[in-house]
């Protein structure tokens, strides 16, 4: 496939990737941008996080949107689900001390164990060191990790009336909790109730 790019735009982009990425392979970086957009839209084959083999953050957003939309526009039943939010404590220190390879291996191992312990459940890699598991009625199952690795976790309990445009609210609650609340949670976890029925 051939894509025509105006010379001026090509030169500007080439200068940008040379400056920031120390490369002159424009085609590779354009391909990366296209793949990023495909993952963002959860196009089949691109809905999985490549490092951990868990579902992606974008797939979580899409799954919540589908689940809270109901079976038809008249469906106002209640959507109930628990989301286990997991954060690796002091992950930046692990990266700084042990390096990128070791931290990637840790993320892969956590993804593997979550998929094994919560067999059949949707497991998502939400961000750099954060995971979300759609646990229905299940509870926290400890992972087998080295002693120096600490995980913080919390369960977000969601009740939402379907077809009331609540999916974006549920997404924001999970995102906010991962970014803010879980950082302050006790090591043994806590519960956040997210009731958006009214």
C-alpha atoms as a PDB file:
ATOM      1  CA  UNK A   1       0.000   0.000   0.000  1.00  0.00           C
ATOM      2  CA  UNK A   2       1.239   3.456  -0.839  1.00  0.00           C
ATOM      3  CA  UNK A   3       0.175   6.584   1.027  1.00  0.00           C
ATOM      4  CA  UNK A   4       0.963  10.006  -0.356  1.00  0.00           C
ATOM      5  CA  UNK A   5       2.174  12.436   2.305  1.00  0.00           C
ATOM      6  CA  UNK A   6       2.901  16.083   1.431  1.00  0.00           C
ATOM      7  CA  UNK A   7       6.650  16.733   1.417  1.00  0.00           C
ATOM      8  CA  UNK A   8       6.414  19.470   4.046  1.00  0.00           C
ATOM      9  CA  UNK A   9       4.439  17.221   6.433  1.00  0.00           C
ATOM     10  CA  UNK A  10       6.844  14.334   5.830  1.00  0.00           C
ATOM     11  CA  UNK A  11       9.879  16.524   6.574  1.00  0.00           C
ATOM     12  CA  UNK A  12       8.280  17.888   9.761  1.00  0.00           C
ATOM     13  CA  UNK A  13       7.417  14.393  11.006  1.00  0.00           C
ATOM     14  CA  UNK A  14      10.860  13.056  10.097  1.00  0.00           C
ATOM     15  CA  UNK A  15      12.463  15.879  12.102  1.00  0.00           C
ATOM     16  CA  UNK A  16      10.149  15.133  15.023  1.00  0.00           C
ATOM     17  CA  UNK A  17      10.928  11.400  15.237  1.00  0.00           C
ATOM     18  CA  UNK A  18      14.653  12.071  14.748  1.00  0.00           C
ATOM     19  CA  UNK A  19      14.581  14.520  17.650  1.00  0.00           C
ATOM     20  CA  UNK A  20      12.413  12.488  20.013  1.00  0.00           C
ATOM     21  CA  UNK A  21      12.981   8.874  19.020  1.00  0.00           C
ATOM     22  CA  UNK A  22      16.445   8.983  17.415  1.00  0.00           C
ATOM     23  CA  UNK A  23      15.097   7.275  14.306  1.00  0.00           C
ATOM     24  CA  UNK A  24      14.426   8.102  10.678  1.00  0.00           C
ATOM     25  CA  UNK A  25      11.938   5.310   9.972  1.00  0.00           C
ATOM     26  CA  UNK A  26       8.769   7.303   9.312  1.00  0.00           C
ATOM     27  CA  UNK A  27       6.880   4.253   7.978  1.00  0.00           C
ATOM     28  CA  UNK A  28       7.361   2.362  11.256  1.00  0.00           C
ATOM     29  CA  UNK A  29       6.029   5.255  13.314  1.00  0.00           C
ATOM     30  CA  UNK A  30       3.038   5.808  11.026  1.00  0.00           C
ATOM     31  CA  UNK A  31       2.254   2.092  11.388  1.00  0.00           C
ATOM     32  CA  UNK A  32       2.478   2.467  15.192  1.00  0.00           C
ATOM     33  CA  UNK A  33       0.018   5.376  15.083  1.00  0.00           C
ATOM     34  CA  UNK A  34      -2.434   3.359  12.965  1.00  0.00           C
ATOM     35  CA  UNK A  35      -2.175   0.349  15.306  1.00  0.00           C
ATOM     36  CA  UNK A  36      -2.760   2.635  18.316  1.00  0.00           C
ATOM     37  CA  UNK A  37      -5.970   3.928  16.732  1.00  0.00           C
ATOM     38  CA  UNK A  38      -7.119   0.384  15.928  1.00  0.00           C
ATOM     39  CA  UNK A  39      -6.542  -0.675  19.546  1.00  0.00           C
ATOM     40  CA  UNK A  40      -8.359   2.407  20.798  1.00  0.00           C
ATOM     41  CA  UNK A  41     -11.371   1.410  18.734  1.00  0.00           C
ATOM     42  CA  UNK A  42     -11.054  -2.266  19.824  1.00  0.00           C
ATOM     43  CA  UNK A  43     -11.002  -3.487  16.237  1.00  0.00           C
ATOM     44  CA  UNK A  44     -10.989  -7.325  16.314  1.00  0.00           C
ATOM     45  CA  UNK A  45      -7.419  -8.486  16.742  1.00  0.00           C
ATOM     46  CA  UNK A  46      -6.414  -5.234  18.482  1.00  0.00           C
ATOM     47  CA  UNK A  47      -8.447  -5.424  21.702  1.00  0.00           C
ATOM     48  CA  UNK A  48      -5.704  -7.191  23.693  1.00  0.00           C
ATOM     49  CA  UNK A  49      -2.799  -5.593  25.557  1.00  0.00           C
ATOM     50  CA  UNK A  50       0.293  -6.965  23.820  1.00  0.00           C
ATOM     51  CA  UNK A  51       2.508  -7.179  26.895  1.00  0.00           C
ATOM     52  CA  UNK A  52       0.193  -8.977  29.327  1.00  0.00           C
ATOM     53  CA  UNK A  53      -2.285 -10.691  26.994  1.00  0.00           C
ATOM     54  CA  UNK A  54      -5.091  -9.150  29.080  1.00  0.00           C
ATOM     55  CA  UNK A  55      -7.872  -7.113  27.539  1.00  0.00           C
ATOM     56  CA  UNK A  56      -7.087  -3.427  27.007  1.00  0.00           C
ATOM     57  CA  UNK A  57      -8.373  -0.348  28.847  1.00  0.00           C
ATOM     58  CA  UNK A  58     -10.324   0.568  25.718  1.00  0.00           C
ATOM     59  CA  UNK A  59     -11.997  -2.856  25.725  1.00  0.00           C
ATOM     60  CA  UNK A  60     -13.064  -2.275  29.353  1.00  0.00           C
ATOM     61  CA  UNK A  61     -14.722   0.999  28.344  1.00  0.00           C
ATOM     62  CA  UNK A  62     -16.456  -0.708  25.418  1.00  0.00           C
ATOM     63  CA  UNK A  63     -17.600  -3.658  27.571  1.00  0.00           C
ATOM     64  CA  UNK A  64     -19.073  -1.339  30.232  1.00  0.00           C
ATOM     65  CA  UNK A  65     -20.823   0.667  27.530  1.00  0.00           C
ATOM     66  CA  UNK A  66     -22.359  -2.482  26.030  1.00  0.00           C
ATOM     67  CA  UNK A  67     -23.378  -3.912  29.414  1.00  0.00           C
ATOM     68  CA  UNK A  68     -25.093  -0.706  30.568  1.00  0.00           C
ATOM     69  CA  UNK A  69     -26.911  -0.228  27.257  1.00  0.00           C
ATOM     70  CA  UNK A  70     -29.247  -3.166  27.851  1.00  0.00           C
ATOM     71  CA  UNK A  71     -31.025  -5.378  25.320  1.00  0.00           C
ATOM     72  CA  UNK A  72     -33.093  -2.569  23.853  1.00  0.00           C
ATOM     73  CA  UNK A  73     -33.960   1.070  24.511  1.00  0.00           C
ATOM     74  CA  UNK A  74     -36.840   0.036  26.823  1.00  0.00           C
ATOM     75  CA  UNK A  75     -34.526  -2.063  29.019  1.00  0.00           C
ATOM     76  CA  UNK A  76     -34.155  -0.193  32.330  1.00  0.00           C
ATOM     77  CA  UNK A  77     -33.055  -3.180  34.362  1.00  0.00           C
ATOM     78  CA  UNK A  78     -30.258  -2.796  36.880  1.00  0.00           C
ATOM     79  CA  UNK A  79     -26.689  -3.604  35.865  1.00  0.00           C
ATOM     80  CA  UNK A  80     -24.749  -4.988  38.820  1.00  0.00           C
ATOM     81  CA  UNK A  81     -21.073  -5.805  38.748  1.00  0.00           C
ATOM     82  CA  UNK A  82     -17.993  -5.681  40.959  1.00  0.00           C
ATOM     83  CA  UNK A  83     -14.696  -4.479  39.568  1.00  0.00           C
ATOM     84  CA  UNK A  84     -11.510  -5.458  41.350  1.00  0.00           C
ATOM     85  CA  UNK A  85      -8.988  -2.639  40.864  1.00  0.00           C
ATOM     86  CA  UNK A  86      -5.338  -3.569  41.406  1.00  0.00           C
ATOM     87  CA  UNK A  87      -2.293  -1.346  41.609  1.00  0.00           C
ATOM     88  CA  UNK A  88       1.359  -2.373  42.074  1.00  0.00           C
ATOM     89  CA  UNK A  89       2.734  -0.419  45.016  1.00  0.00           C
ATOM     90  CA  UNK A  90       5.871   1.641  44.231  1.00  0.00           C
ATOM     91  CA  UNK A  91       6.072   0.349  40.656  1.00  0.00           C
ATOM     92  CA  UNK A  92       8.346   3.228  39.621  1.00  0.00           C
ATOM     93  CA  UNK A  93      10.916   2.066  42.175  1.00  0.00           C
ATOM     94  CA  UNK A  94      10.766  -1.454  40.703  1.00  0.00           C
ATOM     95  CA  UNK A  95      11.427  -0.018  37.225  1.00  0.00           C
ATOM     96  CA  UNK A  96      14.283   2.175  38.511  1.00  0.00           C
ATOM     97  CA  UNK A  97      15.962  -0.590  40.547  1.00  0.00           C
ATOM     98  CA  UNK A  98      15.285  -3.745  38.523  1.00  0.00           C
ATOM     99  CA  UNK A  99      14.945  -2.275  35.032  1.00  0.00           C
ATOM    100  CA  UNK A 100      12.343  -2.413  32.262  1.00  0.00           C
ATOM    101  CA  UNK A 101      12.772  -6.112  31.457  1.00  0.00           C
ATOM    102  CA  UNK A 102      12.110  -7.199  35.047  1.00  0.00           C
ATOM    103  CA  UNK A 103       9.142  -4.846  35.388  1.00  0.00           C
ATOM    104  CA  UNK A 104       7.657  -6.133  32.108  1.00  0.00           C
ATOM    105  CA  UNK A 105       8.073  -9.703  33.354  1.00  0.00           C
ATOM    106  CA  UNK A 106       6.310  -8.759  36.604  1.00  0.00           C
ATOM    107  CA  UNK A 107       3.370  -7.269  34.672  1.00  0.00           C
ATOM    108  CA  UNK A 108       3.170 -10.411  32.528  1.00  0.00           C
ATOM    109  CA  UNK A 109       3.207 -12.635  35.618  1.00  0.00           C
ATOM    110  CA  UNK A 110       0.460 -10.624  37.333  1.00  0.00           C
ATOM    111  CA  UNK A 111      -1.645 -10.767  34.159  1.00  0.00           C
ATOM    112  CA  UNK A 112      -1.117 -14.553  33.941  1.00  0.00           C
ATOM    113  CA  UNK A 113      -2.027 -15.134  37.587  1.00  0.00           C
ATOM    114  CA  UNK A 114      -5.132 -12.938  37.433  1.00  0.00           C
ATOM    115  CA  UNK A 115      -6.363 -14.801  34.351  1.00  0.00           C
ATOM    116  CA  UNK A 116      -5.695 -18.115  36.090  1.00  0.00           C
ATOM    117  CA  UNK A 117      -7.180 -17.265  39.516  1.00  0.00           C
ATOM    118  CA  UNK A 118     -10.237 -15.557  38.026  1.00  0.00           C
ATOM    119  CA  UNK A 119     -10.745 -18.082  35.219  1.00  0.00           C
ATOM    120  CA  UNK A 120     -13.531 -17.030  32.891  1.00  0.00           C
ATOM    121  CA  UNK A 121     -13.546 -13.442  34.188  1.00  0.00           C
ATOM    122  CA  UNK A 122     -12.601 -10.445  32.067  1.00  0.00           C
ATOM    123  CA  UNK A 123      -9.137  -9.232  33.089  1.00  0.00           C
ATOM    124  CA  UNK A 124      -7.986  -5.856  31.786  1.00  0.00           C
ATOM    125  CA  UNK A 125      -4.676  -4.038  31.928  1.00  0.00           C
ATOM    126  CA  UNK A 126      -5.873  -0.542  32.668  1.00  0.00           C
ATOM    127  CA  UNK A 127      -2.626   1.394  32.637  1.00  0.00           C
ATOM    128  CA  UNK A 128       1.073   1.050  33.302  1.00  0.00           C
ATOM    129  CA  UNK A 129       0.815  -0.932  36.541  1.00  0.00           C
ATOM    130  CA  UNK A 130      -2.946  -1.171  37.005  1.00  0.00           C
ATOM    131  CA  UNK A 131      -5.329  -4.022  36.324  1.00  0.00           C
ATOM    132  CA  UNK A 132      -9.104  -4.364  36.527  1.00  0.00           C
ATOM    133  CA  UNK A 133     -10.940  -7.674  36.918  1.00  0.00           C
ATOM    134  CA  UNK A 134     -14.692  -7.983  36.380  1.00  0.00           C
ATOM    135  CA  UNK A 135     -15.346 -10.198  39.403  1.00  0.00           C
ATOM    136  CA  UNK A 136     -19.159 -10.380  39.647  1.00  0.00           C
ATOM    137  CA  UNK A 137     -19.569 -11.703  43.223  1.00  0.00           C
ATOM    138  CA  UNK A 138     -16.020 -12.944  43.746  1.00  0.00           C
ATOM    139  CA  UNK A 139     -13.523 -11.473  46.194  1.00  0.00           C
ATOM    140  CA  UNK A 140      -9.781 -10.871  46.326  1.00  0.00           C
ATOM    141  CA  UNK A 141      -7.666 -13.959  45.724  1.00  0.00           C
ATOM    142  CA  UNK A 142      -4.023 -13.365  46.744  1.00  0.00           C
ATOM    143  CA  UNK A 143      -1.378 -13.763  44.043  1.00  0.00           C
ATOM    144  CA  UNK A 144       1.870 -15.705  44.400  1.00  0.00           C
ATOM    145  CA  UNK A 145       4.468 -12.951  44.037  1.00  0.00           C
ATOM    146  CA  UNK A 146       7.879 -12.247  45.581  1.00  0.00           C
ATOM    147  CA  UNK A 147       7.671 -10.877  49.116  1.00  0.00           C
ATOM    148  CA  UNK A 148       8.954  -7.419  48.130  1.00  0.00           C
ATOM    149  CA  UNK A 149       6.075  -6.922  45.641  1.00  0.00           C
ATOM    150  CA  UNK A 150       3.052  -5.314  47.278  1.00  0.00           C
ATOM    151  CA  UNK A 151      -0.312  -4.976  45.574  1.00  0.00           C
ATOM    152  CA  UNK A 152      -3.030  -2.584  46.605  1.00  0.00           C
ATOM    153  CA  UNK A 153      -6.540  -3.462  45.602  1.00  0.00           C
ATOM    154  CA  UNK A 154     -10.096  -2.304  46.046  1.00  0.00           C
ATOM    155  CA  UNK A 155     -13.477  -3.465  44.855  1.00  0.00           C
ATOM    156  CA  UNK A 156     -15.782  -0.997  43.125  1.00  0.00           C
ATOM    157  CA  UNK A 157     -19.382  -2.210  43.452  1.00  0.00           C
ATOM    158  CA  UNK A 158     -21.522  -0.884  40.628  1.00  0.00           C
ATOM    159  CA  UNK A 159     -25.306  -0.684  40.382  1.00  0.00           C
ATOM    160  CA  UNK A 160     -26.509   1.247  37.364  1.00  0.00           C
ATOM    161  CA  UNK A 161     -29.833   1.525  35.572  1.00  0.00           C
ATOM    162  CA  UNK A 162     -29.359   0.494  31.956  1.00  0.00           C
ATOM    163  CA  UNK A 163     -29.926   2.919  29.083  1.00  0.00           C
ATOM    164  CA  UNK A 164     -29.513   5.973  31.305  1.00  0.00           C
ATOM    165  CA  UNK A 165     -26.153   7.031  29.872  1.00  0.00           C
ATOM    166  CA  UNK A 166     -24.447   5.767  33.025  1.00  0.00           C
ATOM    167  CA  UNK A 167     -21.617   3.964  31.255  1.00  0.00           C
ATOM    168  CA  UNK A 168     -19.380   7.040  31.126  1.00  0.00           C
ATOM    169  CA  UNK A 169     -20.018   7.617  34.839  1.00  0.00           C
ATOM    170  CA  UNK A 170     -19.060   4.026  35.681  1.00  0.00           C
ATOM    171  CA  UNK A 171     -15.898   4.411  33.557  1.00  0.00           C
ATOM    172  CA  UNK A 172     -14.989   7.618  35.393  1.00  0.00           C
ATOM    173  CA  UNK A 173     -15.550   6.040  38.825  1.00  0.00           C
ATOM    174  CA  UNK A 174     -13.204   3.164  37.989  1.00  0.00           C
ATOM    175  CA  UNK A 175     -10.637   5.500  36.444  1.00  0.00           C
ATOM    176  CA  UNK A 176     -10.797   7.950  39.349  1.00  0.00           C
ATOM    177  CA  UNK A 177     -10.528   5.138  41.848  1.00  0.00           C
ATOM    178  CA  UNK A 178      -7.471   3.680  40.134  1.00  0.00           C
ATOM    179  CA  UNK A 179      -5.782   7.065  39.800  1.00  0.00           C
ATOM    180  CA  UNK A 180      -6.646   8.473  43.236  1.00  0.00           C
ATOM    181  CA  UNK A 181      -8.547   6.255  45.643  1.00  0.00           C
ATOM    182  CA  UNK A 182      -6.487   3.107  45.404  1.00  0.00           C
ATOM    183  CA  UNK A 183      -3.310   5.032  46.149  1.00  0.00           C
ATOM    184  CA  UNK A 184      -4.774   5.882  49.547  1.00  0.00           C
ATOM    185  CA  UNK A 185      -6.344   2.484  50.214  1.00  0.00           C
ATOM    186  CA  UNK A 186      -5.132   0.121  52.881  1.00  0.00           C
ATOM    187  CA  UNK A 187      -2.840  -2.653  51.724  1.00  0.00           C
ATOM    188  CA  UNK A 188      -5.586  -5.195  52.323  1.00  0.00           C
ATOM    189  CA  UNK A 189      -8.010  -3.282  50.120  1.00  0.00           C
ATOM    190  CA  UNK A 190     -11.281  -1.489  50.600  1.00  0.00           C
ATOM    191  CA  UNK A 191     -14.680  -1.192  48.973  1.00  0.00           C
ATOM    192  CA  UNK A 192     -16.130   1.715  47.038  1.00  0.00           C
ATOM    193  CA  UNK A 193     -19.869   1.642  46.429  1.00  0.00           C
ATOM    194  CA  UNK A 194     -20.926   3.196  43.126  1.00  0.00           C
ATOM    195  CA  UNK A 195     -24.721   3.341  43.033  1.00  0.00           C
ATOM    196  CA  UNK A 196     -26.046   5.221  40.017  1.00  0.00           C
ATOM    197  CA  UNK A 197     -29.616   3.881  39.777  1.00  0.00           C
ATOM    198  CA  UNK A 198     -31.485   7.133  40.411  1.00  0.00           C
END
